[in-house]
Amino acid sequence: SSINGQVIRYGDVLLMLAESYIQQGNSGAEPLAL
């Protein structure tokens, strides 16, 4: 197989960013949009 292993991709980053908002008590527009 030549399929590359995904270590970090943008979809993961967007969900980690959403989590960073939620963990600070913000479950509003920013994490919802992400």
Full PDB file with SEQRES, HELIX, SHEET, SSBOND, CRYST1, ORIGX, SCALE, CONECT and MASTER records, all heavy atoms in Angstrom:
SEQRES   1 A   34  SER SER ILE ASN GLY GLN VAL ILE ARG TYR GLY ASP VAL          
SEQRES   2 A   34  LEU LEU MET LEU ALA GLU SER TYR ILE GLN GLN GLY ASN          
SEQRES   3 A   34  SER GLY ALA GLU PRO LEU ALA LEU                              
HELIX    1 AA1 TYR A   10  GLN A   23  1                                  14    
HELIX    2 AA2 ALA A   29  ALA A   33  1                                   5    
CRYST1    1.000    1.000    1.000  90.00  90.00  90.00 P 1           1          
ORIGX1      1.000000  0.000000  0.000000        0.00000                         
ORIGX2      0.000000  1.000000  0.000000        0.00000                         
ORIGX3      0.000000  0.000000  1.000000        0.00000                         
SCALE1      1.000000  0.000000  0.000000        0.00000                         
SCALE2      0.000000  1.000000  0.000000        0.00000                         
SCALE3      0.000000  0.000000  1.000000        0.00000                         
ATOM      1  N   SER A   1       0.803  -1.216   0.000  1.00  0.00           N  
ATOM      2  CA  SER A   1       0.000   0.000   0.000  1.00  0.00           C  
ATOM      3  C   SER A   1       0.838   1.269   0.000  1.00  0.00           C  
ATOM      4  O   SER A   1       1.813   1.407   0.747  1.00  0.00           O  
ATOM      5  CB  SER A   1      -0.929   0.019   1.214  1.00  0.00           C  
ATOM      6  OG  SER A   1      -1.643   1.240   1.278  1.00  0.00           O  
ATOM      7  N   SER A   2       0.416   2.213  -0.825  1.00  0.00           N  
ATOM      8  CA  SER A   2       1.056   3.532  -0.880  1.00  0.00           C  
ATOM      9  C   SER A   2       0.265   4.592  -0.119  1.00  0.00           C  
ATOM     10  O   SER A   2       0.629   5.770  -0.154  1.00  0.00           O  
ATOM     11  CB  SER A   2       1.187   3.976  -2.339  1.00  0.00           C  
ATOM     12  OG  SER A   2      -0.105   4.161  -2.915  1.00  0.00           O  
ATOM     13  N   ILE A   3      -0.802   4.207   0.568  1.00  0.00           N  
ATOM     14  CA  ILE A   3      -1.649   5.178   1.249  1.00  0.00           C  
ATOM     15  C   ILE A   3      -0.895   5.769   2.442  1.00  0.00           C  
ATOM     16  O   ILE A   3      -0.439   5.039   3.327  1.00  0.00           O  
ATOM     17  CB  ILE A   3      -2.972   4.542   1.712  1.00  0.00           C  
ATOM     18  CG1 ILE A   3      -3.725   3.975   0.507  1.00  0.00           C  
ATOM     19  CG2 ILE A   3      -3.829   5.562   2.457  1.00  0.00           C  
ATOM     20  CD1 ILE A   3      -4.983   3.205   0.880  1.00  0.00           C  
ATOM     21  N   ASN A   4      -0.772   7.080   2.463  1.00  0.00           N  
ATOM     22  CA  ASN A   4      -0.039   7.756   3.536  1.00  0.00           C  
ATOM     23  C   ASN A   4      -0.834   7.740   4.834  1.00  0.00           C  
ATOM     24  O   ASN A   4      -2.064   7.829   4.838  1.00  0.00           O  
ATOM     25  CB  ASN A   4       0.265   9.199   3.143  1.00  0.00           C  
ATOM     26  CG  ASN A   4       1.179   9.296   1.941  1.00  0.00           C  
ATOM     27  OD1 ASN A   4       1.960   8.394   1.675  1.00  0.00           O  
ATOM     28  ND2 ASN A   4       1.075  10.390   1.208  1.00  0.00           N  
ATOM     29  N   GLY A   5      -0.113   7.656   5.949  1.00  0.00           N  
ATOM     30  CA  GLY A   5      -0.748   7.701   7.258  1.00  0.00           C  
ATOM     31  C   GLY A   5      -1.055   9.123   7.670  1.00  0.00           C  
ATOM     32  O   GLY A   5      -0.170   9.988   7.625  1.00  0.00           O  
ATOM     33  N   GLN A   6      -2.289   9.386   8.077  1.00  0.00           N  
ATOM     34  CA  GLN A   6      -2.691  10.720   8.516  1.00  0.00           C  
ATOM     35  C   GLN A   6      -2.339  10.899   9.992  1.00  0.00           C  
ATOM     36  O   GLN A   6      -2.958  10.308  10.869  1.00  0.00           O  
ATOM     37  CB  GLN A   6      -4.200  10.913   8.317  1.00  0.00           C  
ATOM     38  CG  GLN A   6      -4.663  10.883   6.875  1.00  0.00           C  
ATOM     39  CD  GLN A   6      -4.319  12.168   6.121  1.00  0.00           C  
ATOM     40  OE1 GLN A   6      -3.583  13.021   6.620  1.00  0.00           O  
ATOM     41  NE2 GLN A   6      -4.847  12.316   4.920  1.00  0.00           N  
ATOM     42  N   VAL A   7      -1.322  11.711  10.267  1.00  0.00           N  
ATOM     43  CA  VAL A   7      -0.919  11.972  11.650  1.00  0.00           C  
ATOM     44  C   VAL A   7      -1.727  13.138  12.214  1.00  0.00           C  
ATOM     45  O   VAL A   7      -2.304  13.038  13.305  1.00  0.00           O  
ATOM     46  CB  VAL A   7       0.589  12.267  11.729  1.00  0.00           C  
ATOM     47  CG1 VAL A   7       1.015  12.532  13.175  1.00  0.00           C  
ATOM     48  CG2 VAL A   7       1.387  11.094  11.161  1.00  0.00           C  
ATOM     49  N   ILE A   8      -1.755  14.246  11.516  1.00  0.00           N  
ATOM     50  CA  ILE A   8      -2.596  15.394  11.887  1.00  0.00           C  
ATOM     51  C   ILE A   8      -3.216  15.947  10.607  1.00  0.00           C  
ATOM     52  O   ILE A   8      -2.504  16.197   9.635  1.00  0.00           O  
ATOM     53  CB  ILE A   8      -1.807  16.519  12.587  1.00  0.00           C  
ATOM     54  CG1 ILE A   8      -1.019  15.979  13.778  1.00  0.00           C  
ATOM     55  CG2 ILE A   8      -2.748  17.632  13.064  1.00  0.00           C  
ATOM     56  CD1 ILE A   8      -0.161  17.042  14.469  1.00  0.00           C  
ATOM     57  N   ARG A   9      -4.513  16.136  10.607  1.00  0.00           N  
ATOM     58  CA  ARG A   9      -5.194  16.736   9.461  1.00  0.00           C  
ATOM     59  C   ARG A   9      -6.137  17.832   9.948  1.00  0.00           C  
ATOM     60  O   ARG A   9      -6.437  17.944  11.145  1.00  0.00           O  
ATOM     61  CB  ARG A   9      -5.923  15.683   8.630  1.00  0.00           C  
ATOM     62  CG  ARG A   9      -6.980  14.863   9.372  1.00  0.00           C  
ATOM     63  CD  ARG A   9      -7.565  13.801   8.449  1.00  0.00           C  
ATOM     64  NE  ARG A   9      -8.558  12.957   9.076  1.00  0.00           N  
ATOM     65  CZ  ARG A   9      -9.858  13.233   9.171  1.00  0.00           C  
ATOM     66  NH1 ARG A   9     -10.323  14.398   8.699  1.00  0.00           N  
ATOM     67  NH2 ARG A   9     -10.701  12.400   9.748  1.00  0.00           N  
ATOM     68  N   TYR A  10      -6.604  18.627   8.991  1.00  0.00           N  
ATOM     69  CA  TYR A  10      -7.349  19.833   9.338  1.00  0.00           C  
ATOM     70  C   TYR A  10      -8.667  19.518  10.047  1.00  0.00           C  
ATOM     71  O   TYR A  10      -9.079  20.257  10.954  1.00  0.00           O  
ATOM     72  CB  TYR A  10      -7.595  20.650   8.074  1.00  0.00           C  
ATOM     73  CG  TYR A  10      -8.100  22.063   8.329  1.00  0.00           C  
ATOM     74  CD1 TYR A  10      -7.411  22.928   9.165  1.00  0.00           C  
ATOM     75  CD2 TYR A  10      -9.251  22.530   7.701  1.00  0.00           C  
ATOM     76  CE1 TYR A  10      -7.863  24.227   9.385  1.00  0.00           C  
ATOM     77  CE2 TYR A  10      -9.709  23.815   7.912  1.00  0.00           C  
ATOM     78  CZ  TYR A  10      -9.019  24.664   8.760  1.00  0.00           C  
ATOM     79  OH  TYR A  10      -9.467  25.934   8.970  1.00  0.00           O  
ATOM     80  N   GLY A  11      -9.333  18.434   9.655  1.00  0.00           N  
ATOM     81  CA  GLY A  11     -10.573  18.075  10.333  1.00  0.00           C  
ATOM     82  C   GLY A  11     -10.354  17.826  11.816  1.00  0.00           C  
ATOM     83  O   GLY A  11     -11.172  18.225  12.664  1.00  0.00           O  
ATOM     84  N   ASP A  12      -9.263  17.181  12.154  1.00  0.00           N  
ATOM     85  CA  ASP A  12      -8.892  16.942  13.543  1.00  0.00           C  
ATOM     86  C   ASP A  12      -8.646  18.273  14.257  1.00  0.00           C  
ATOM     87  O   ASP A  12      -9.091  18.493  15.395  1.00  0.00           O  
ATOM     88  CB  ASP A  12      -7.643  16.061  13.573  1.00  0.00           C  
ATOM     89  CG  ASP A  12      -7.230  15.625  14.975  1.00  0.00           C  
ATOM     90  OD1 ASP A  12      -7.960  15.875  15.932  1.00  0.00           O  
ATOM     91  OD2 ASP A  12      -6.148  15.010  15.095  1.00  0.00           O  
ATOM     92  N   VAL A  13      -7.945  19.182  13.597  1.00  0.00           N  
ATOM     93  CA  VAL A  13      -7.651  20.495  14.184  1.00  0.00           C  
ATOM     94  C   VAL A  13      -8.943  21.252  14.495  1.00  0.00           C  
ATOM     95  O   VAL A  13      -9.081  21.847  15.575  1.00  0.00           O  
ATOM     96  CB  VAL A  13      -6.755  21.322  13.248  1.00  0.00           C  
ATOM     97  CG1 VAL A  13      -6.745  22.797  13.639  1.00  0.00           C  
ATOM     98  CG2 VAL A  13      -5.330  20.770  13.262  1.00  0.00           C  
ATOM     99  N   LEU A  14      -9.895  21.241  13.568  1.00  0.00           N  
ATOM    100  CA  LEU A  14     -11.155  21.955  13.800  1.00  0.00           C  
ATOM    101  C   LEU A  14     -11.898  21.389  15.008  1.00  0.00           C  
ATOM    102  O   LEU A  14     -12.479  22.145  15.803  1.00  0.00           O  
ATOM    103  CB  LEU A  14     -12.041  21.877  12.555  1.00  0.00           C  
ATOM    104  CG  LEU A  14     -11.518  22.618  11.310  1.00  0.00           C  
ATOM    105  CD1 LEU A  14     -12.496  22.451  10.154  1.00  0.00           C  
ATOM    106  CD2 LEU A  14     -11.278  24.097  11.591  1.00  0.00           C  
ATOM    107  N   LEU A  15     -11.871  20.066  15.174  1.00  0.00           N  
ATOM    108  CA  LEU A  15     -12.550  19.469  16.322  1.00  0.00           C  
ATOM    109  C   LEU A  15     -11.787  19.736  17.620  1.00  0.00           C  
ATOM    110  O   LEU A  15     -12.408  19.927  18.674  1.00  0.00           O  
ATOM    111  CB  LEU A  15     -12.738  17.974  16.092  1.00  0.00           C  
ATOM    112  CG  LEU A  15     -13.711  17.608  14.961  1.00  0.00           C  
ATOM    113  CD1 LEU A  15     -13.789  16.101  14.788  1.00  0.00           C  
ATOM    114  CD2 LEU A  15     -15.106  18.188  15.218  1.00  0.00           C  
ATOM    115  N   MET A  16     -10.468  19.746  17.574  1.00  0.00           N  
ATOM    116  CA  MET A  16      -9.707  20.113  18.774  1.00  0.00           C  
ATOM    117  C   MET A  16      -9.968  21.566  19.149  1.00  0.00           C  
ATOM    118  O   MET A  16     -10.099  21.896  20.346  1.00  0.00           O  
ATOM    119  CB  MET A  16      -8.211  19.875  18.549  1.00  0.00           C  
ATOM    120  CG  MET A  16      -7.800  18.416  18.515  1.00  0.00           C  
ATOM    121  SD  MET A  16      -6.007  18.153  18.607  1.00  0.00           S  
ATOM    122  CE  MET A  16      -5.481  18.752  17.001  1.00  0.00           C  
ATOM    123  N   LEU A  17     -10.073  22.434  18.153  1.00  0.00           N  
ATOM    124  CA  LEU A  17     -10.375  23.842  18.426  1.00  0.00           C  
ATOM    125  C   LEU A  17     -11.758  23.975  19.038  1.00  0.00           C  
ATOM    126  O   LEU A  17     -11.953  24.727  20.012  1.00  0.00           O  
ATOM    127  CB  LEU A  17     -10.270  24.650  17.131  1.00  0.00           C  
ATOM    128  CG  LEU A  17     -10.549  26.152  17.219  1.00  0.00           C  
ATOM    129  CD1 LEU A  17      -9.658  26.826  18.265  1.00  0.00           C  
ATOM    130  CD2 LEU A  17     -10.357  26.807  15.851  1.00  0.00           C  
ATOM    131  N   ALA A  18     -12.731  23.245  18.504  1.00  0.00           N  
ATOM    132  CA  ALA A  18     -14.079  23.259  19.086  1.00  0.00           C  
ATOM    133  C   ALA A  18     -14.044  22.800  20.534  1.00  0.00           C  
ATOM    134  O   ALA A  18     -14.688  23.390  21.414  1.00  0.00           O  
ATOM    135  CB  ALA A  18     -15.004  22.364  18.260  1.00  0.00           C  
ATOM    136  N   GLU A  19     -13.280  21.760  20.804  1.00  0.00           N  
ATOM    137  CA  GLU A  19     -13.187  21.260  22.178  1.00  0.00           C  
ATOM    138  C   GLU A  19     -12.567  22.297  23.109  1.00  0.00           C  
ATOM    139  O   GLU A  19     -12.995  22.430  24.271  1.00  0.00           O  
ATOM    140  CB  GLU A  19     -12.359  19.969  22.217  1.00  0.00           C  
ATOM    141  CG  GLU A  19     -12.250  19.387  23.619  1.00  0.00           C  
ATOM    142  CD  GLU A  19     -11.467  18.096  23.679  1.00  0.00           C  
ATOM    143  OE1 GLU A  19     -11.159  17.510  22.623  1.00  0.00           O  
ATOM    144  OE2 GLU A  19     -11.148  17.664  24.817  1.00  0.00           O  
ATOM    145  N   SER A  20     -11.574  23.033  22.616  1.00  0.00           N  
ATOM    146  CA  SER A  20     -10.937  24.032  23.469  1.00  0.00           C  
ATOM    147  C   SER A  20     -11.931  25.102  23.906  1.00  0.00           C  
ATOM    148  O   SER A  20     -11.867  25.613  25.034  1.00  0.00           O  
ATOM    149  CB  SER A  20      -9.743  24.665  22.751  1.00  0.00           C  
ATOM    150  OG  SER A  20     -10.143  25.514  21.693  1.00  0.00           O  
ATOM    151  N   TYR A  21     -12.854  25.466  23.034  1.00  0.00           N  
ATOM    152  CA  TYR A  21     -13.919  26.400  23.416  1.00  0.00           C  
ATOM    153  C   TYR A  21     -14.850  25.775  24.457  1.00  0.00           C  
ATOM    154  O   TYR A  21     -15.168  26.393  25.495  1.00  0.00           O  
ATOM    155  CB  TYR A  21     -14.748  26.787  22.188  1.00  0.00           C  
ATOM    156  CG  TYR A  21     -14.137  27.834  21.293  1.00  0.00           C  
ATOM    157  CD1 TYR A  21     -13.623  27.485  20.040  1.00  0.00           C  
ATOM    158  CD2 TYR A  21     -14.089  29.175  21.666  1.00  0.00           C  
ATOM    159  CE1 TYR A  21     -13.074  28.441  19.197  1.00  0.00           C  
ATOM    160  CE2 TYR A  21     -13.539  30.136  20.826  1.00  0.00           C  
ATOM    161  CZ  TYR A  21     -13.035  29.767  19.596  1.00  0.00           C  
ATOM    162  OH  TYR A  21     -12.490  30.715  18.762  1.00  0.00           O  
ATOM    163  N   ILE A  22     -15.310  24.567  24.168  1.00  0.00           N  
ATOM    164  CA  ILE A  22     -16.284  23.914  25.049  1.00  0.00           C  
ATOM    165  C   ILE A  22     -15.703  23.703  26.443  1.00  0.00           C  
ATOM    166  O   ILE A  22     -16.383  23.921  27.460  1.00  0.00           O  
ATOM    167  CB  ILE A  22     -16.735  22.580  24.434  1.00  0.00           C  
ATOM    168  CG1 ILE A  22     -17.501  22.822  23.127  1.00  0.00           C  
ATOM    169  CG2 ILE A  22     -17.611  21.798  25.407  1.00  0.00           C  
ATOM    170  CD1 ILE A  22     -17.751  21.568  22.311  1.00  0.00           C  
ATOM    171  N   GLN A  23     -14.443  23.287  26.512  1.00  0.00           N  
ATOM    172  CA  GLN A  23     -13.825  23.031  27.817  1.00  0.00           C  
ATOM    173  C   GLN A  23     -13.678  24.295  28.643  1.00  0.00           C  
ATOM    174  O   GLN A  23     -13.522  24.227  29.867  1.00  0.00           O  
ATOM    175  CB  GLN A  23     -12.456  22.374  27.614  1.00  0.00           C  
ATOM    176  CG  GLN A  23     -12.501  20.985  26.987  1.00  0.00           C  
ATOM    177  CD  GLN A  23     -12.873  19.894  27.982  1.00  0.00           C  
ATOM    178  OE1 GLN A  23     -13.416  20.162  29.062  1.00  0.00           O  
ATOM    179  NE2 GLN A  23     -12.579  18.657  27.635  1.00  0.00           N  
ATOM    180  N   GLN A  24     -13.759  25.457  28.000  1.00  0.00           N  
ATOM    181  CA  GLN A  24     -13.725  26.732  28.725  1.00  0.00           C  
ATOM    182  C   GLN A  24     -15.133  27.228  29.070  1.00  0.00           C  
ATOM    183  O   GLN A  24     -15.289  28.343  29.558  1.00  0.00           O  
ATOM    184  CB  GLN A  24     -13.007  27.794  27.889  1.00  0.00           C  
ATOM    185  CG  GLN A  24     -11.534  27.506  27.657  1.00  0.00           C  
ATOM    186  CD  GLN A  24     -10.875  28.566  26.781  1.00  0.00           C  
ATOM    187  OE1 GLN A  24     -10.491  29.637  27.266  1.00  0.00           O  
ATOM    188  NE2 GLN A  24     -10.764  28.288  25.488  1.00  0.00           N  
ATOM    189  N   GLY A  25     -16.139  26.403  28.812  1.00  0.00           N  
ATOM    190  CA  GLY A  25     -17.508  26.779  29.133  1.00  0.00           C  
ATOM    191  C   GLY A  25     -18.252  27.456  28.012  1.00  0.00           C  
ATOM    192  O   GLY A  25     -19.395  27.909  28.194  1.00  0.00           O  
ATOM    193  N   ASN A  26     -17.666  27.525  26.832  1.00  0.00           N  
ATOM    194  CA  ASN A  26     -18.308  28.157  25.675  1.00  0.00           C  
ATOM    195  C   ASN A  26     -18.850  27.066  24.760  1.00  0.00           C  
ATOM    196  O   ASN A  26     -18.096  26.408  24.040  1.00  0.00           O  
ATOM    197  CB  ASN A  26     -17.298  29.022  24.927  1.00  0.00           C  
ATOM    198  CG  ASN A  26     -17.886  29.690  23.689  1.00  0.00           C  
ATOM    199  OD1 ASN A  26     -19.024  29.414  23.293  1.00  0.00           O  
ATOM    200  ND2 ASN A  26     -17.120  30.574  23.066  1.00  0.00           N  
ATOM    201  N   SER A  27     -20.143  26.853  24.795  1.00  0.00           N  
ATOM    202  CA  SER A  27     -20.776  25.873  23.900  1.00  0.00           C  
ATOM    203  C   SER A  27     -21.653  26.580  22.867  1.00  0.00           C  
ATOM    204  O   SER A  27     -22.618  26.021  22.361  1.00  0.00           O  
ATOM    205  CB  SER A  27     -21.611  24.866  24.703  1.00  0.00           C  
ATOM    206  OG  SER A  27     -22.604  25.530  25.482  1.00  0.00           O  
ATOM    207  N   GLY A  28     -21.297  27.830  22.558  1.00  0.00           N  
ATOM    208  CA  GLY A  28     -22.106  28.652  21.674  1.00  0.00           C  
ATOM    209  C   GLY A  28     -21.691  28.622  20.222  1.00  0.00           C  
ATOM    210  O   GLY A  28     -21.351  27.577  19.660  1.00  0.00           O  
ATOM    211  N   ALA A  29     -21.671  29.793  19.599  1.00  0.00           N  
ATOM    212  CA  ALA A  29     -21.545  29.909  18.145  1.00  0.00           C  
ATOM    213  C   ALA A  29     -20.218  29.374  17.613  1.00  0.00           C  
ATOM    214  O   ALA A  29     -20.190  28.741  16.550  1.00  0.00           O  
ATOM    215  CB  ALA A  29     -21.721  31.368  17.736  1.00  0.00           C  
ATOM    216  N   GLU A  30     -19.128  29.635  18.324  1.00  0.00           N  
ATOM    217  CA  GLU A  30     -17.818  29.243  17.783  1.00  0.00           C  
ATOM    218  C   GLU A  30     -17.661  27.727  17.648  1.00  0.00           C  
ATOM    219  O   GLU A  30     -17.382  27.230  16.551  1.00  0.00           O  
ATOM    220  CB  GLU A  30     -16.678  29.830  18.637  1.00  0.00           C  
ATOM    221  CG  GLU A  30     -16.566  31.333  18.564  1.00  0.00           C  
ATOM    222  CD  GLU A  30     -17.395  32.031  19.631  1.00  0.00           C  
ATOM    223  OE1 GLU A  30     -18.260  31.364  20.262  1.00  0.00           O  
ATOM    224  OE2 GLU A  30     -17.184  33.240  19.843  1.00  0.00           O  
ATOM    225  N   PRO A  31     -17.845  26.955  18.743  1.00  0.00           N  
ATOM    226  CA  PRO A  31     -17.699  25.502  18.574  1.00  0.00           C  
ATOM    227  C   PRO A  31     -18.803  24.902  17.701  1.00  0.00           C  
ATOM    228  O   PRO A  31     -18.555  23.920  16.995  1.00  0.00           O  
ATOM    229  CB  PRO A  31     -17.751  24.964  20.001  1.00  0.00           C  
ATOM    230  CG  PRO A  31     -18.451  26.022  20.793  1.00  0.00           C  
ATOM    231  CD  PRO A  31     -18.064  27.310  20.160  1.00  0.00           C  
ATOM    232  N   LEU A  32     -19.991  25.479  17.731  1.00  0.00           N  
ATOM    233  CA  LEU A  32     -21.087  24.994  16.883  1.00  0.00           C  
ATOM    234  C   LEU A  32     -20.693  25.091  15.412  1.00  0.00           C  
ATOM    235  O   LEU A  32     -20.873  24.138  14.631  1.00  0.00           O  
ATOM    236  CB  LEU A  32     -22.353  25.798  17.150  1.00  0.00           C  
ATOM    237  CG  LEU A  32     -23.567  25.473  16.265  1.00  0.00           C  
ATOM    238  CD1 LEU A  32     -24.053  24.064  16.525  1.00  0.00           C  
ATOM    239  CD2 LEU A  32     -24.689  26.496  16.503  1.00  0.00           C  
ATOM    240  N   ALA A  33     -20.131  26.231  15.020  1.00  0.00           N  
ATOM    241  CA  ALA A  33     -19.747  26.422  13.622  1.00  0.00           C  
ATOM    242  C   ALA A  33     -18.628  25.468  13.218  1.00  0.00           C  
ATOM    243  O   ALA A  33     -18.619  24.933  12.095  1.00  0.00           O  
ATOM    244  CB  ALA A  33     -19.306  27.871  13.405  1.00  0.00           C  
ATOM    245  N   LEU A  34     -17.692  25.212  14.109  1.00  0.00           N  
ATOM    246  CA  LEU A  34     -16.574  24.327  13.797  1.00  0.00           C  
ATOM    247  C   LEU A  34     -17.039  22.887  13.612  1.00  0.00           C  
ATOM    248  O   LEU A  34     -16.628  22.194  12.670  1.00  0.00           O  
ATOM    249  CB  LEU A  34     -15.522  24.405  14.907  1.00  0.00           C  
ATOM    250  CG  LEU A  34     -14.769  25.736  15.016  1.00  0.00           C  
ATOM    251  CD1 LEU A  34     -14.053  25.837  16.354  1.00  0.00           C  
ATOM    252  CD2 LEU A  34     -13.765  25.880  13.867  1.00  0.00           C  
TER     253      LEU A  34                                                      
MASTER        0    0    0    2    0    0    0    6  252    1    0    3          
END                                                                             
